[in-house]
Amino acid sequence: NDEPENVTRYTKCPPKFQEFKPNGDANFNGILKHFIDETNGNIENRVNITASSNSNNCKYMTQFDENNIYQSSNHQNSWICFDFKENRVIPTNYQIKTHSYGPSSYNPRSWIIEGSNDKSNWEQISEERDSQYLNGSYRSHVFPITKSNKEFRYIKMTQIGPNWAGSYYNLTMQ
């Protein structure tokens, strides 16, 4: 009772989790899009994106622009990793879109998705082998996370076999 009348004793806390549900194979309206909008395009303030090769074009993975592409070098087990920094994510789905190359070309074919909180211990949370969904021009698909519902700081996609052209370039648009 000794506090002045204008002192606020309680504050409304923001929700701990924000859910992003997929809405078809063409919307790209998930957490990366949320961070892009929240930071006015400076997603690196919220998410650090690295890759086993060609890290200089990793930001293209988030520009949702058909003129920009991410392409790894022609090495087995190429990967791309998203560091959500101070945030933790519970992935339920992820979406990939290919570039203009047609069927039987550099589009992703087989990969695993892993999550980690320390970049040393990785847990496999999804796997796709010989996925036909991305074998074509500008194909997009939402894939479910089937093996976990844990929080992670890091999410990594690793190519585990050749692409549809038989090489190890991992060419994805977003």
C-alpha atoms as a PDB file:
ATOM      1  CA  ASN A   1       0.000   0.000   0.000  1.00  0.00           C
ATOM      2  CA  ASP A   2       3.022   2.288   0.217  1.00  0.00           C
ATOM      3  CA  GLU A   3       3.498   2.306  -3.588  1.00  0.00           C
ATOM      4  CA  PRO A   4       2.420   5.291  -5.655  1.00  0.00           C
ATOM      5  CA  GLU A   5      -0.771   4.771  -7.653  1.00  0.00           C
ATOM      6  CA  ASN A   6       0.975   4.983 -11.037  1.00  0.00           C
ATOM      7  CA  VAL A   7       3.269   1.981 -10.425  1.00  0.00           C
ATOM      8  CA  THR A   8       2.409  -1.064 -12.470  1.00  0.00           C
ATOM      9  CA  ARG A   9       2.873  -4.194 -10.410  1.00  0.00           C
ATOM     10  CA  TYR A  10       2.257  -6.766 -13.111  1.00  0.00           C
ATOM     11  CA  THR A  11       3.166  -6.959 -16.768  1.00  0.00           C
ATOM     12  CA  LYS A  12       1.702  -9.109 -19.441  1.00  0.00           C
ATOM     13  CA  CYS A  13       4.284 -11.661 -20.604  1.00  0.00           C
ATOM     14  CA  PRO A  14       4.486 -12.544 -24.273  1.00  0.00           C
ATOM     15  CA  PRO A  15       3.513 -16.101 -25.184  1.00  0.00           C
ATOM     16  CA  LYS A  16       6.371 -18.552 -24.789  1.00  0.00           C
ATOM     17  CA  PHE A  17       5.685 -20.224 -28.119  1.00  0.00           C
ATOM     18  CA  GLN A  18       4.416 -19.004 -31.428  1.00  0.00           C
ATOM     19  CA  GLU A  19       3.133 -21.661 -33.782  1.00  0.00           C
ATOM     20  CA  PHE A  20       3.548 -21.552 -37.549  1.00  0.00           C
ATOM     21  CA  LYS A  21       1.377 -24.066 -39.370  1.00  0.00           C
ATOM     22  CA  PRO A  22       1.910 -24.922 -43.033  1.00  0.00           C
ATOM     23  CA  ASN A  23      -0.796 -23.866 -45.424  1.00  0.00           C
ATOM     24  CA  GLY A  24      -0.072 -25.735 -48.629  1.00  0.00           C
ATOM     25  CA  ASP A  25       3.106 -26.178 -50.635  1.00  0.00           C
ATOM     26  CA  ALA A  26       3.507 -22.603 -51.846  1.00  0.00           C
ATOM     27  CA  ASN A  27       3.151 -20.283 -48.869  1.00  0.00           C
ATOM     28  CA  PHE A  28       6.583 -20.111 -47.164  1.00  0.00           C
ATOM     29  CA  ASN A  29       5.003 -18.522 -44.135  1.00  0.00           C
ATOM     30  CA  GLY A  30       7.019 -20.158 -41.352  1.00  0.00           C
ATOM     31  CA  ILE A  31       9.490 -19.055 -38.736  1.00  0.00           C
ATOM     32  CA  LEU A  32      12.113 -17.831 -41.226  1.00  0.00           C
ATOM     33  CA  LYS A  33       9.545 -15.604 -42.932  1.00  0.00           C
ATOM     34  CA  HIS A  34       8.457 -14.390 -39.489  1.00  0.00           C
ATOM     35  CA  PHE A  35      12.036 -13.386 -38.620  1.00  0.00           C
ATOM     36  CA  ILE A  36      12.521 -11.726 -42.024  1.00  0.00           C
ATOM     37  CA  ASP A  37       9.404  -9.623 -41.452  1.00  0.00           C
ATOM     38  CA  GLU A  38      10.294  -8.919 -37.817  1.00  0.00           C
ATOM     39  CA  THR A  39      13.815  -7.701 -38.710  1.00  0.00           C
ATOM     40  CA  ASN A  40      12.934  -5.892 -41.957  1.00  0.00           C
ATOM     41  CA  GLY A  41      14.993  -8.365 -43.969  1.00  0.00           C
ATOM     42  CA  ASN A  42      17.959  -8.535 -41.595  1.00  0.00           C
ATOM     43  CA  ILE A  43      17.363 -12.153 -40.627  1.00  0.00           C
ATOM     44  CA  GLU A  44      21.009 -12.550 -39.597  1.00  0.00           C
ATOM     45  CA  ASN A  45      20.044 -10.628 -36.446  1.00  0.00           C
ATOM     46  CA  ARG A  46      17.904 -13.619 -35.408  1.00  0.00           C
ATOM     47  CA  VAL A  47      19.227 -16.595 -37.416  1.00  0.00           C
ATOM     48  CA  ASN A  48      22.770 -17.413 -38.502  1.00  0.00           C
ATOM     49  CA  ILE A  49      22.947 -19.594 -41.603  1.00  0.00           C
ATOM     50  CA  THR A  50      26.102 -21.580 -42.380  1.00  0.00           C
ATOM     51  CA  ALA A  51      26.962 -24.334 -44.825  1.00  0.00           C
ATOM     52  CA  SER A  52      29.652 -26.903 -45.480  1.00  0.00           C
ATOM     53  CA  SER A  53      30.447 -25.083 -48.725  1.00  0.00           C
ATOM     54  CA  ASN A  54      29.490 -21.873 -50.513  1.00  0.00           C
ATOM     55  CA  SER A  55      28.462 -20.160 -47.292  1.00  0.00           C
ATOM     56  CA  ASN A  56      28.541 -16.812 -49.067  1.00  0.00           C
ATOM     57  CA  ASN A  57      25.128 -17.419 -50.638  1.00  0.00           C
ATOM     58  CA  CYS A  58      23.327 -18.958 -47.636  1.00  0.00           C
ATOM     59  CA  LYS A  59      21.165 -15.869 -47.198  1.00  0.00           C
ATOM     60  CA  TYR A  60      19.560 -16.719 -50.547  1.00  0.00           C
ATOM     61  CA  MET A  61      17.823 -19.539 -48.691  1.00  0.00           C
ATOM     62  CA  THR A  62      15.646 -16.909 -47.033  1.00  0.00           C
ATOM     63  CA  GLN A  63      15.028 -14.361 -49.781  1.00  0.00           C
ATOM     64  CA  PHE A  64      12.093 -16.221 -51.367  1.00  0.00           C
ATOM     65  CA  ASP A  65      13.174 -14.849 -54.731  1.00  0.00           C
ATOM     66  CA  GLU A  66      13.357 -16.951 -57.871  1.00  0.00           C
ATOM     67  CA  ASN A  67      16.414 -14.996 -59.057  1.00  0.00           C
ATOM     68  CA  ASN A  68      18.567 -16.037 -56.087  1.00  0.00           C
ATOM     69  CA  ILE A  69      19.570 -19.611 -55.319  1.00  0.00           C
ATOM     70  CA  TYR A  70      21.607 -21.487 -52.774  1.00  0.00           C
ATOM     71  CA  GLN A  71      23.965 -24.072 -54.258  1.00  0.00           C
ATOM     72  CA  SER A  72      26.498 -26.182 -52.395  1.00  0.00           C
ATOM     73  CA  SER A  73      29.744 -27.378 -53.900  1.00  0.00           C
ATOM     74  CA  ASN A  74      29.867 -30.835 -55.475  1.00  0.00           C
ATOM     75  CA  HIS A  75      30.805 -32.670 -52.252  1.00  0.00           C
ATOM     76  CA  GLN A  76      29.216 -35.628 -50.542  1.00  0.00           C
ATOM     77  CA  ASN A  77      27.323 -34.913 -47.323  1.00  0.00           C
ATOM     78  CA  SER A  78      26.912 -31.193 -47.996  1.00  0.00           C
ATOM     79  CA  TRP A  79      24.930 -29.470 -45.255  1.00  0.00           C
ATOM     80  CA  ILE A  80      23.276 -26.210 -44.352  1.00  0.00           C
ATOM     81  CA  CYS A  81      22.671 -25.220 -40.726  1.00  0.00           C
ATOM     82  CA  PHE A  82      20.308 -22.687 -39.161  1.00  0.00           C
ATOM     83  CA  ASP A  83      21.365 -21.284 -35.761  1.00  0.00           C
ATOM     84  CA  PHE A  84      18.349 -19.703 -34.105  1.00  0.00           C
ATOM     85  CA  LYS A  85      20.651 -17.966 -31.592  1.00  0.00           C
ATOM     86  CA  GLU A  86      18.713 -17.074 -28.404  1.00  0.00           C
ATOM     87  CA  ASN A  87      15.554 -18.771 -29.693  1.00  0.00           C
ATOM     88  CA  ARG A  88      14.616 -22.424 -29.532  1.00  0.00           C
ATOM     89  CA  VAL A  89      12.380 -24.041 -32.120  1.00  0.00           C
ATOM     90  CA  ILE A  90      10.251 -27.153 -32.049  1.00  0.00           C
ATOM     91  CA  PRO A  91      10.091 -28.003 -35.741  1.00  0.00           C
ATOM     92  CA  THR A  92       6.971 -29.742 -36.969  1.00  0.00           C
ATOM     93  CA  ASN A  93       7.425 -29.162 -40.721  1.00  0.00           C
ATOM     94  CA  TYR A  94       9.891 -27.650 -43.159  1.00  0.00           C
ATOM     95  CA  GLN A  95       9.517 -26.469 -46.726  1.00  0.00           C
ATOM     96  CA  ILE A  96      11.916 -26.627 -49.684  1.00  0.00           C
ATOM     97  CA  LYS A  97      11.553 -25.180 -53.153  1.00  0.00           C
ATOM     98  CA  THR A  98      13.693 -26.026 -56.166  1.00  0.00           C
ATOM     99  CA  HIS A  99      15.013 -23.662 -58.818  1.00  0.00           C
ATOM    100  CA  SER A 100      14.372 -23.670 -62.571  1.00  0.00           C
ATOM    101  CA  TYR A 101      16.253 -26.868 -63.374  1.00  0.00           C
ATOM    102  CA  GLY A 102      13.930 -29.571 -64.609  1.00  0.00           C
ATOM    103  CA  PRO A 103      13.546 -33.238 -63.687  1.00  0.00           C
ATOM    104  CA  SER A 104      16.669 -35.375 -63.269  1.00  0.00           C
ATOM    105  CA  SER A 105      18.883 -32.372 -62.506  1.00  0.00           C
ATOM    106  CA  TYR A 106      20.476 -30.773 -59.443  1.00  0.00           C
ATOM    107  CA  ASN A 107      17.408 -30.937 -57.223  1.00  0.00           C
ATOM    108  CA  PRO A 108      17.654 -32.491 -53.733  1.00  0.00           C
ATOM    109  CA  ARG A 109      16.876 -36.189 -53.618  1.00  0.00           C
ATOM    110  CA  SER A 110      17.905 -37.686 -50.247  1.00  0.00           C
ATOM    111  CA  TRP A 111      18.665 -35.870 -47.002  1.00  0.00           C
ATOM    112  CA  ILE A 112      18.319 -35.892 -43.238  1.00  0.00           C
ATOM    113  CA  ILE A 113      17.230 -33.114 -40.900  1.00  0.00           C
ATOM    114  CA  GLU A 114      18.871 -32.975 -37.485  1.00  0.00           C
ATOM    115  CA  GLY A 115      18.460 -30.821 -34.401  1.00  0.00           C
ATOM    116  CA  SER A 116      20.983 -29.868 -31.726  1.00  0.00           C
ATOM    117  CA  ASN A 117      21.433 -27.479 -28.840  1.00  0.00           C
ATOM    118  CA  ASP A 118      25.251 -27.561 -28.750  1.00  0.00           C
ATOM    119  CA  LYS A 119      26.366 -28.383 -32.353  1.00  0.00           C
ATOM    120  CA  SER A 120      28.088 -31.508 -31.000  1.00  0.00           C
ATOM    121  CA  ASN A 121      25.201 -33.853 -30.266  1.00  0.00           C
ATOM    122  CA  TRP A 122      22.758 -34.133 -33.163  1.00  0.00           C
ATOM    123  CA  GLU A 123      19.381 -35.875 -33.157  1.00  0.00           C
ATOM    124  CA  GLN A 124      17.917 -36.996 -36.468  1.00  0.00           C
ATOM    125  CA  ILE A 125      14.366 -35.688 -36.710  1.00  0.00           C
ATOM    126  CA  SER A 126      13.481 -36.393 -40.353  1.00  0.00           C
ATOM    127  CA  GLU A 127      14.778 -38.347 -43.337  1.00  0.00           C
ATOM    128  CA  GLU A 128      13.856 -38.367 -46.998  1.00  0.00           C
ATOM    129  CA  ARG A 129      15.213 -40.899 -49.492  1.00  0.00           C
ATOM    130  CA  ASP A 130      14.612 -40.663 -53.235  1.00  0.00           C
ATOM    131  CA  SER A 131      11.996 -37.967 -52.679  1.00  0.00           C
ATOM    132  CA  GLN A 132      10.131 -37.297 -55.920  1.00  0.00           C
ATOM    133  CA  TYR A 133       8.510 -34.140 -54.532  1.00  0.00           C
ATOM    134  CA  LEU A 134      11.431 -31.913 -55.596  1.00  0.00           C
ATOM    135  CA  ASN A 135      12.347 -33.570 -58.900  1.00  0.00           C
ATOM    136  CA  GLY A 136      11.409 -30.706 -61.219  1.00  0.00           C
ATOM    137  CA  SER A 137      11.355 -26.956 -61.864  1.00  0.00           C
ATOM    138  CA  TYR A 138      10.128 -24.660 -59.101  1.00  0.00           C
ATOM    139  CA  ARG A 139       8.737 -27.549 -57.098  1.00  0.00           C
ATOM    140  CA  SER A 140       7.804 -26.849 -53.514  1.00  0.00           C
ATOM    141  CA  HIS A 141       6.822 -29.224 -50.764  1.00  0.00           C
ATOM    142  CA  VAL A 142       6.159 -29.185 -47.024  1.00  0.00           C
ATOM    143  CA  PHE A 143       7.775 -32.147 -45.267  1.00  0.00           C
ATOM    144  CA  PRO A 144       6.702 -33.272 -41.780  1.00  0.00           C
ATOM    145  CA  ILE A 145       9.120 -33.696 -38.895  1.00  0.00           C
ATOM    146  CA  THR A 146       8.391 -37.240 -37.815  1.00  0.00           C
ATOM    147  CA  LYS A 147      10.918 -38.191 -35.156  1.00  0.00           C
ATOM    148  CA  SER A 148      10.904 -35.505 -32.455  1.00  0.00           C
ATOM    149  CA  ASN A 149       9.030 -32.756 -30.686  1.00  0.00           C
ATOM    150  CA  LYS A 150      11.970 -31.277 -28.750  1.00  0.00           C
ATOM    151  CA  GLU A 151      13.300 -27.736 -28.673  1.00  0.00           C
ATOM    152  CA  PHE A 152      16.475 -27.064 -30.663  1.00  0.00           C
ATOM    153  CA  ARG A 153      18.787 -24.119 -31.226  1.00  0.00           C
ATOM    154  CA  TYR A 154      20.324 -25.581 -34.404  1.00  0.00           C
ATOM    155  CA  ILE A 155      18.573 -27.261 -37.338  1.00  0.00           C
ATOM    156  CA  LYS A 156      20.730 -28.873 -40.027  1.00  0.00           C
ATOM    157  CA  MET A 157      19.914 -30.398 -43.414  1.00  0.00           C
ATOM    158  CA  THR A 158      22.523 -32.845 -44.758  1.00  0.00           C
ATOM    159  CA  GLN A 159      22.422 -34.356 -48.238  1.00  0.00           C
ATOM    160  CA  ILE A 160      22.921 -38.131 -47.836  1.00  0.00           C
ATOM    161  CA  GLY A 161      23.194 -39.173 -51.472  1.00  0.00           C
ATOM    162  CA  PRO A 162      23.486 -37.798 -54.967  1.00  0.00           C
ATOM    163  CA  ASN A 163      20.911 -35.415 -56.367  1.00  0.00           C
ATOM    164  CA  TRP A 164      18.647 -36.316 -59.296  1.00  0.00           C
ATOM    165  CA  ALA A 165      21.505 -35.608 -61.759  1.00  0.00           C
ATOM    166  CA  GLY A 166      23.808 -38.052 -59.954  1.00  0.00           C
ATOM    167  CA  SER A 167      26.156 -35.375 -58.580  1.00  0.00           C
ATOM    168  CA  TYR A 168      26.428 -33.887 -55.102  1.00  0.00           C
ATOM    169  CA  TYR A 169      25.496 -30.289 -55.832  1.00  0.00           C
ATOM    170  CA  ASN A 170      22.641 -29.380 -53.567  1.00  0.00           C
ATOM    171  CA  LEU A 171      20.718 -26.774 -55.480  1.00  0.00           C
ATOM    172  CA  THR A 172      17.684 -25.449 -53.732  1.00  0.00           C
ATOM    173  CA  MET A 173      16.075 -22.094 -54.058  1.00  0.00           C
ATOM    174  CA  GLN A 174      14.715 -21.602 -50.559  1.00  0.00           C
END
